[in-house]
């Protein structure tokens, strides 16, 4: 019976510490995008892999990605992604990064999610 008690206490401790880490990493931003589970899973993928972005939501009109917020060249991952699709970076206007291709403009919406991550959205129409 003591063995089961030790395992239970250990599991509760691990769960509480994990919850504290998640809350400290995301703070008040945790529920700003609705269901936080896809974002938490994406953040874990970013932290434990070498990828620079993770797609966490996909609708008929938009793709949404999560990236780690770095102080130097903050939106470089977005620029490289769009460049790989043939879009050339033009300028930043507010929270939008403007790209052009064949006389057409595309705006990638970028917003801070937490101090460690930012979200960017691209309309699917730009990739048809």
C-alpha atoms as a PDB file:
ATOM      1  CA  UNK A   1       0.000   0.000   0.000  1.00  0.00           C
ATOM      2  CA  UNK A   2       2.911   2.378   0.707  1.00  0.00           C
ATOM      3  CA  UNK A   3       4.165   1.787  -2.836  1.00  0.00           C
ATOM      4  CA  UNK A   4       0.842   2.948  -4.322  1.00  0.00           C
ATOM      5  CA  UNK A   5       0.881   6.044  -2.091  1.00  0.00           C
ATOM      6  CA  UNK A   6       4.381   6.968  -3.259  1.00  0.00           C
ATOM      7  CA  UNK A   7       3.436   6.556  -6.911  1.00  0.00           C
ATOM      8  CA  UNK A   8       0.279   8.642  -6.428  1.00  0.00           C
ATOM      9  CA  UNK A   9       2.173  11.436  -4.672  1.00  0.00           C
ATOM     10  CA  UNK A  10       4.850  11.389  -7.370  1.00  0.00           C
ATOM     11  CA  UNK A  11       2.266  11.612 -10.165  1.00  0.00           C
ATOM     12  CA  UNK A  12       0.447  14.482  -8.458  1.00  0.00           C
ATOM     13  CA  UNK A  13       3.736  16.324  -7.946  1.00  0.00           C
ATOM     14  CA  UNK A  14       4.725  15.869 -11.595  1.00  0.00           C
ATOM     15  CA  UNK A  15       1.277  17.031 -12.743  1.00  0.00           C
ATOM     16  CA  UNK A  16       1.377  20.149 -10.535  1.00  0.00           C
ATOM     17  CA  UNK A  17       4.911  21.027 -11.657  1.00  0.00           C
ATOM     18  CA  UNK A  18       3.938  20.536 -15.301  1.00  0.00           C
ATOM     19  CA  UNK A  19       0.880  22.746 -14.878  1.00  0.00           C
ATOM     20  CA  UNK A  20       3.032  25.423 -13.210  1.00  0.00           C
ATOM     21  CA  UNK A  21       5.519  25.318 -16.103  1.00  0.00           C
ATOM     22  CA  UNK A  22       2.748  25.671 -18.676  1.00  0.00           C
ATOM     23  CA  UNK A  23       1.116  28.576 -16.845  1.00  0.00           C
ATOM     24  CA  UNK A  24       4.462  30.329 -16.293  1.00  0.00           C
ATOM     25  CA  UNK A  25       5.394  29.886 -19.964  1.00  0.00           C
ATOM     26  CA  UNK A  26       2.100  31.170 -21.368  1.00  0.00           C
ATOM     27  CA  UNK A  27       0.641  33.239 -18.521  1.00  0.00           C
ATOM     28  CA  UNK A  28      -2.571  35.037 -19.309  1.00  0.00           C
ATOM     29  CA  UNK A  29      -2.223  34.216 -23.020  1.00  0.00           C
ATOM     30  CA  UNK A  30      -3.146  30.591 -22.411  1.00  0.00           C
ATOM     31  CA  UNK A  31      -6.822  30.899 -23.414  1.00  0.00           C
ATOM     32  CA  UNK A  32      -6.688  33.910 -25.757  1.00  0.00           C
ATOM     33  CA  UNK A  33      -6.807  31.681 -28.852  1.00  0.00           C
ATOM     34  CA  UNK A  34      -9.598  29.414 -27.608  1.00  0.00           C
ATOM     35  CA  UNK A  35      -8.650  25.804 -26.936  1.00  0.00           C
ATOM     36  CA  UNK A  36      -5.055  25.905 -25.618  1.00  0.00           C
ATOM     37  CA  UNK A  37      -4.252  22.225 -26.199  1.00  0.00           C
ATOM     38  CA  UNK A  38      -3.138  22.540 -29.870  1.00  0.00           C
ATOM     39  CA  UNK A  39      -0.907  25.470 -28.920  1.00  0.00           C
ATOM     40  CA  UNK A  40       0.617  23.643 -25.954  1.00  0.00           C
ATOM     41  CA  UNK A  41       1.318  20.583 -28.126  1.00  0.00           C
ATOM     42  CA  UNK A  42       2.838  22.828 -30.815  1.00  0.00           C
ATOM     43  CA  UNK A  43       4.999  24.613 -28.239  1.00  0.00           C
ATOM     44  CA  UNK A  44       6.270  21.264 -26.982  1.00  0.00           C
ATOM     45  CA  UNK A  45       7.091  20.221 -30.558  1.00  0.00           C
ATOM     46  CA  UNK A  46       9.021  23.477 -31.040  1.00  0.00           C
ATOM     47  CA  UNK A  47      10.938  23.056 -27.808  1.00  0.00           C
ATOM     48  CA  UNK A  48      11.911  19.424 -28.409  1.00  0.00           C
ATOM     49  CA  UNK A  49      12.717  19.581 -32.119  1.00  0.00           C
ATOM     50  CA  UNK A  50      14.773  21.636 -34.533  1.00  0.00           C
ATOM     51  CA  UNK A  51      11.766  23.024 -36.415  1.00  0.00           C
ATOM     52  CA  UNK A  52      11.248  26.765 -36.532  1.00  0.00           C
ATOM     53  CA  UNK A  53       7.458  26.656 -36.845  1.00  0.00           C
ATOM     54  CA  UNK A  54       4.567  24.281 -36.279  1.00  0.00           C
ATOM     55  CA  UNK A  55       1.180  24.445 -37.953  1.00  0.00           C
ATOM     56  CA  UNK A  56      -1.434  24.211 -35.202  1.00  0.00           C
ATOM     57  CA  UNK A  57      -4.663  25.104 -36.995  1.00  0.00           C
ATOM     58  CA  UNK A  58      -6.005  24.679 -40.503  1.00  0.00           C
ATOM     59  CA  UNK A  59      -9.341  25.909 -41.842  1.00  0.00           C
ATOM     60  CA  UNK A  60     -10.764  26.294 -45.319  1.00  0.00           C
ATOM     61  CA  UNK A  61      -9.437  29.839 -45.489  1.00  0.00           C
ATOM     62  CA  UNK A  62      -6.358  30.031 -43.265  1.00  0.00           C
ATOM     63  CA  UNK A  63      -3.332  28.178 -41.948  1.00  0.00           C
ATOM     64  CA  UNK A  64      -2.061  29.163 -38.508  1.00  0.00           C
ATOM     65  CA  UNK A  65       1.471  28.592 -37.265  1.00  0.00           C
ATOM     66  CA  UNK A  66       3.346  28.953 -33.986  1.00  0.00           C
ATOM     67  CA  UNK A  67       7.005  30.021 -33.795  1.00  0.00           C
ATOM     68  CA  UNK A  68       9.472  30.758 -31.045  1.00  0.00           C
ATOM     69  CA  UNK A  69       9.952  34.456 -30.383  1.00  0.00           C
ATOM     70  CA  UNK A  70      13.608  35.339 -30.775  1.00  0.00           C
ATOM     71  CA  UNK A  71      14.891  38.866 -30.327  1.00  0.00           C
ATOM     72  CA  UNK A  72      17.107  38.847 -33.416  1.00  0.00           C
ATOM     73  CA  UNK A  73      15.349  38.557 -36.767  1.00  0.00           C
ATOM     74  CA  UNK A  74      12.029  37.890 -35.101  1.00  0.00           C
ATOM     75  CA  UNK A  75       9.965  37.265 -38.228  1.00  0.00           C
ATOM     76  CA  UNK A  76      12.741  35.682 -40.294  1.00  0.00           C
ATOM     77  CA  UNK A  77      11.016  32.284 -40.135  1.00  0.00           C
ATOM     78  CA  UNK A  78       7.903  33.776 -41.765  1.00  0.00           C
ATOM     79  CA  UNK A  79       9.963  35.485 -44.453  1.00  0.00           C
ATOM     80  CA  UNK A  80      11.844  32.260 -45.242  1.00  0.00           C
ATOM     81  CA  UNK A  81       8.600  30.275 -45.391  1.00  0.00           C
ATOM     82  CA  UNK A  82       6.984  32.733 -47.784  1.00  0.00           C
ATOM     83  CA  UNK A  83      10.160  32.953 -49.869  1.00  0.00           C
ATOM     84  CA  UNK A  84      10.099  29.167 -50.268  1.00  0.00           C
ATOM     85  CA  UNK A  85       6.604  29.552 -51.744  1.00  0.00           C
ATOM     86  CA  UNK A  86       7.818  32.193 -54.223  1.00  0.00           C
ATOM     87  CA  UNK A  87       6.694  35.302 -52.324  1.00  0.00           C
ATOM     88  CA  UNK A  88       9.096  38.227 -51.886  1.00  0.00           C
ATOM     89  CA  UNK A  89       9.064  40.268 -48.679  1.00  0.00           C
ATOM     90  CA  UNK A  90       8.173  43.931 -49.184  1.00  0.00           C
ATOM     91  CA  UNK A  91       7.556  45.601 -45.829  1.00  0.00           C
ATOM     92  CA  UNK A  92       5.870  45.430 -42.449  1.00  0.00           C
ATOM     93  CA  UNK A  93       2.740  47.458 -41.769  1.00  0.00           C
ATOM     94  CA  UNK A  94       1.589  47.138 -38.184  1.00  0.00           C
ATOM     95  CA  UNK A  95       1.048  43.470 -37.443  1.00  0.00           C
ATOM     96  CA  UNK A  96       1.104  42.466 -41.106  1.00  0.00           C
ATOM     97  CA  UNK A  97       4.037  41.379 -43.213  1.00  0.00           C
ATOM     98  CA  UNK A  98       3.471  42.210 -46.866  1.00  0.00           C
ATOM     99  CA  UNK A  99       4.765  39.935 -49.615  1.00  0.00           C
ATOM    100  CA  UNK A 100       4.407  40.145 -53.396  1.00  0.00           C
ATOM    101  CA  UNK A 101       4.398  37.674 -56.243  1.00  0.00           C
ATOM    102  CA  UNK A 102       3.422  38.222 -59.886  1.00  0.00           C
ATOM    103  CA  UNK A 103       1.903  41.628 -59.124  1.00  0.00           C
ATOM    104  CA  UNK A 104      -0.246  40.267 -56.305  1.00  0.00           C
ATOM    105  CA  UNK A 105       0.167  41.172 -52.625  1.00  0.00           C
ATOM    106  CA  UNK A 106      -0.249  38.835 -49.655  1.00  0.00           C
ATOM    107  CA  UNK A 107      -0.433  39.854 -46.014  1.00  0.00           C
ATOM    108  CA  UNK A 108       0.720  37.499 -43.276  1.00  0.00           C
ATOM    109  CA  UNK A 109      -0.831  38.475 -39.955  1.00  0.00           C
ATOM    110  CA  UNK A 110       1.595  38.165 -37.052  1.00  0.00           C
ATOM    111  CA  UNK A 111       0.808  38.564 -33.365  1.00  0.00           C
ATOM    112  CA  UNK A 112       2.517  37.948 -30.078  1.00  0.00           C
ATOM    113  CA  UNK A 113       1.084  34.941 -28.226  1.00  0.00           C
ATOM    114  CA  UNK A 114       3.284  34.992 -25.143  1.00  0.00           C
ATOM    115  CA  UNK A 115       6.716  36.291 -24.314  1.00  0.00           C
ATOM    116  CA  UNK A 116       8.171  33.111 -25.835  1.00  0.00           C
ATOM    117  CA  UNK A 117       5.971  32.512 -28.900  1.00  0.00           C
ATOM    118  CA  UNK A 118       4.211  34.308 -31.737  1.00  0.00           C
ATOM    119  CA  UNK A 119       1.397  33.222 -34.058  1.00  0.00           C
ATOM    120  CA  UNK A 120       1.227  33.879 -37.769  1.00  0.00           C
ATOM    121  CA  UNK A 121      -1.669  33.327 -40.167  1.00  0.00           C
ATOM    122  CA  UNK A 122      -1.663  32.939 -43.930  1.00  0.00           C
ATOM    123  CA  UNK A 123      -4.701  32.866 -46.172  1.00  0.00           C
ATOM    124  CA  UNK A 124      -4.829  29.674 -48.228  1.00  0.00           C
ATOM    125  CA  UNK A 125      -5.864  31.636 -51.316  1.00  0.00           C
ATOM    126  CA  UNK A 126      -2.243  32.767 -51.696  1.00  0.00           C
ATOM    127  CA  UNK A 127      -1.081  29.197 -52.294  1.00  0.00           C
ATOM    128  CA  UNK A 128      -3.557  28.091 -54.966  1.00  0.00           C
END
